[in-house]
C-alpha atoms as a PDB file:
ATOM      1  CA  MET A   1       0.000   0.000   0.000  1.00  0.00           C
ATOM      2  CA  THR A   2       1.097   3.598  -0.426  1.00  0.00           C
ATOM      3  CA  LEU A   3       1.337   6.410   2.076  1.00  0.00           C
ATOM      4  CA  ASN A   4      -2.018   7.716   0.811  1.00  0.00           C
ATOM      5  CA  ASP A   5      -3.626   4.589   2.328  1.00  0.00           C
ATOM      6  CA  ALA A   6      -2.058   5.081   5.773  1.00  0.00           C
ATOM      7  CA  ARG A   7      -4.156   5.689   8.857  1.00  0.00           C
ATOM      8  CA  PRO A   8      -3.247   8.841  10.786  1.00  0.00           C
ATOM      9  CA  GLY A   9      -1.423   8.172  14.033  1.00  0.00           C
ATOM     10  CA  THR A  10      -0.089   4.765  12.998  1.00  0.00           C
ATOM     11  CA  GLU A  11       3.637   4.240  12.506  1.00  0.00           C
ATOM     12  CA  TYR A  12       4.672   2.441   9.321  1.00  0.00           C
ATOM     13  CA  GLU A  13       7.949   1.310   7.812  1.00  0.00           C
ATOM     14  CA  ILE A  14       8.837   2.543   4.345  1.00  0.00           C
ATOM     15  CA  LYS A  15       9.178  -0.543   2.134  1.00  0.00           C
ATOM     16  CA  GLU A  16      10.268   1.124  -1.099  1.00  0.00           C
ATOM     17  CA  LEU A  17      10.061   4.252  -3.203  1.00  0.00           C
ATOM     18  CA  ILE A  18       8.517   3.934  -6.669  1.00  0.00           C
ATOM     19  CA  LEU A  19      10.526   6.549  -8.536  1.00  0.00           C
ATOM     20  CA  ASP A  20      10.870   5.274 -12.127  1.00  0.00           C
ATOM     21  CA  GLY A  21      14.450   6.563 -12.335  1.00  0.00           C
ATOM     22  CA  ASP A  22      13.659  10.091 -11.097  1.00  0.00           C
ATOM     23  CA  GLU A  23      16.989  10.861  -9.414  1.00  0.00           C
ATOM     24  CA  GLU A  24      15.953  14.389  -8.408  1.00  0.00           C
ATOM     25  CA  LEU A  25      12.898  13.099  -6.546  1.00  0.00           C
ATOM     26  CA  GLU A  26      14.959  10.332  -4.948  1.00  0.00           C
ATOM     27  CA  SER A  27      17.497  12.892  -3.741  1.00  0.00           C
ATOM     28  CA  PHE A  28      14.740  15.128  -2.362  1.00  0.00           C
ATOM     29  CA  LEU A  29      13.117  12.279  -0.435  1.00  0.00           C
ATOM     30  CA  PHE A  30      16.485  11.159   0.901  1.00  0.00           C
ATOM     31  CA  THR A  31      17.130  14.658   2.317  1.00  0.00           C
ATOM     32  CA  LEU A  32      13.847  14.327   4.221  1.00  0.00           C
ATOM     33  CA  GLY A  33      15.012  10.998   5.657  1.00  0.00           C
ATOM     34  CA  CYS A  34      12.507   9.105   3.537  1.00  0.00           C
ATOM     35  CA  TYR A  35      14.098   5.826   2.403  1.00  0.00           C
ATOM     36  CA  SER A  36      13.547   2.076   2.749  1.00  0.00           C
ATOM     37  CA  GLY A  37      13.501   0.843   6.327  1.00  0.00           C
ATOM     38  CA  GLU A  38      12.770   4.244   7.877  1.00  0.00           C
ATOM     39  CA  LYS A  39       9.724   4.740  10.119  1.00  0.00           C
ATOM     40  CA  ILE A  40       7.044   7.209   9.000  1.00  0.00           C
ATOM     41  CA  THR A  41       3.798   8.370  10.595  1.00  0.00           C
ATOM     42  CA  VAL A  42       0.953  10.274   8.962  1.00  0.00           C
ATOM     43  CA  VAL A  43       0.021  12.940  11.488  1.00  0.00           C
ATOM     44  CA  ASP A  44      -2.866  14.488   9.537  1.00  0.00           C
ATOM     45  CA  LYS A  45      -4.656  13.926   6.230  1.00  0.00           C
ATOM     46  CA  LYS A  46      -6.625  16.678   4.587  1.00  0.00           C
ATOM     47  CA  LYS A  47      -5.745  18.214   1.224  1.00  0.00           C
ATOM     48  CA  ASN A  48      -2.097  17.251   1.812  1.00  0.00           C
ATOM     49  CA  LEU A  49      -0.515  14.812   4.248  1.00  0.00           C
ATOM     50  CA  VAL A  50       1.467  15.895   7.281  1.00  0.00           C
ATOM     51  CA  VAL A  51       4.038  13.202   7.991  1.00  0.00           C
ATOM     52  CA  SER A  52       6.560  12.688  10.755  1.00  0.00           C
ATOM     53  CA  ILE A  53       9.986  11.282   9.902  1.00  0.00           C
ATOM     54  CA  LYS A  54      12.784  11.242  12.500  1.00  0.00           C
ATOM     55  CA  ASP A  55      11.149  13.794  14.822  1.00  0.00           C
ATOM     56  CA  ALA A  56      10.521  16.259  11.960  1.00  0.00           C
ATOM     57  CA  ARG A  57       7.214  17.037  10.262  1.00  0.00           C
ATOM     58  CA  TYR A  58       6.704  17.597   6.547  1.00  0.00           C
ATOM     59  CA  ASN A  59       3.722  18.561   4.425  1.00  0.00           C
ATOM     60  CA  ILE A  60       3.574  16.437   1.260  1.00  0.00           C
ATOM     61  CA  ASP A  61       1.010  16.280  -1.514  1.00  0.00           C
ATOM     62  CA  PRO A  62      -0.916  13.118  -2.466  1.00  0.00           C
ATOM     63  CA  ASP A  63       1.104  12.683  -5.693  1.00  0.00           C
ATOM     64  CA  LEU A  64       4.329  12.451  -3.717  1.00  0.00           C
ATOM     65  CA  ALA A  65       2.711  10.203  -1.100  1.00  0.00           C
ATOM     66  CA  GLU A  66       1.733   7.810  -3.907  1.00  0.00           C
ATOM     67  CA  VAL A  67       5.394   6.924  -4.605  1.00  0.00           C
ATOM     68  CA  ILE A  68       6.072   5.913  -0.978  1.00  0.00           C
ATOM     69  CA  ARG A  69       5.154   2.270  -0.333  1.00  0.00           C
ATOM     70  CA  ILE A  70       4.631   1.209   3.271  1.00  0.00           C
END
């Protein structure tokens, strides 16, 4: 399942990133700490998702959340 399917308040482990060779997106996600094996929690879901990774919170859009498999 993807991050869009996550339930708020539940911690998940990132299984993989579906990037189709997009090195710029991969680099961006890596700077956020978003990579395979890392824990991620959806804090809030409205128009965008608020996620917590390594004690930091980020606001990501549903298109970006779709590439993160948990």
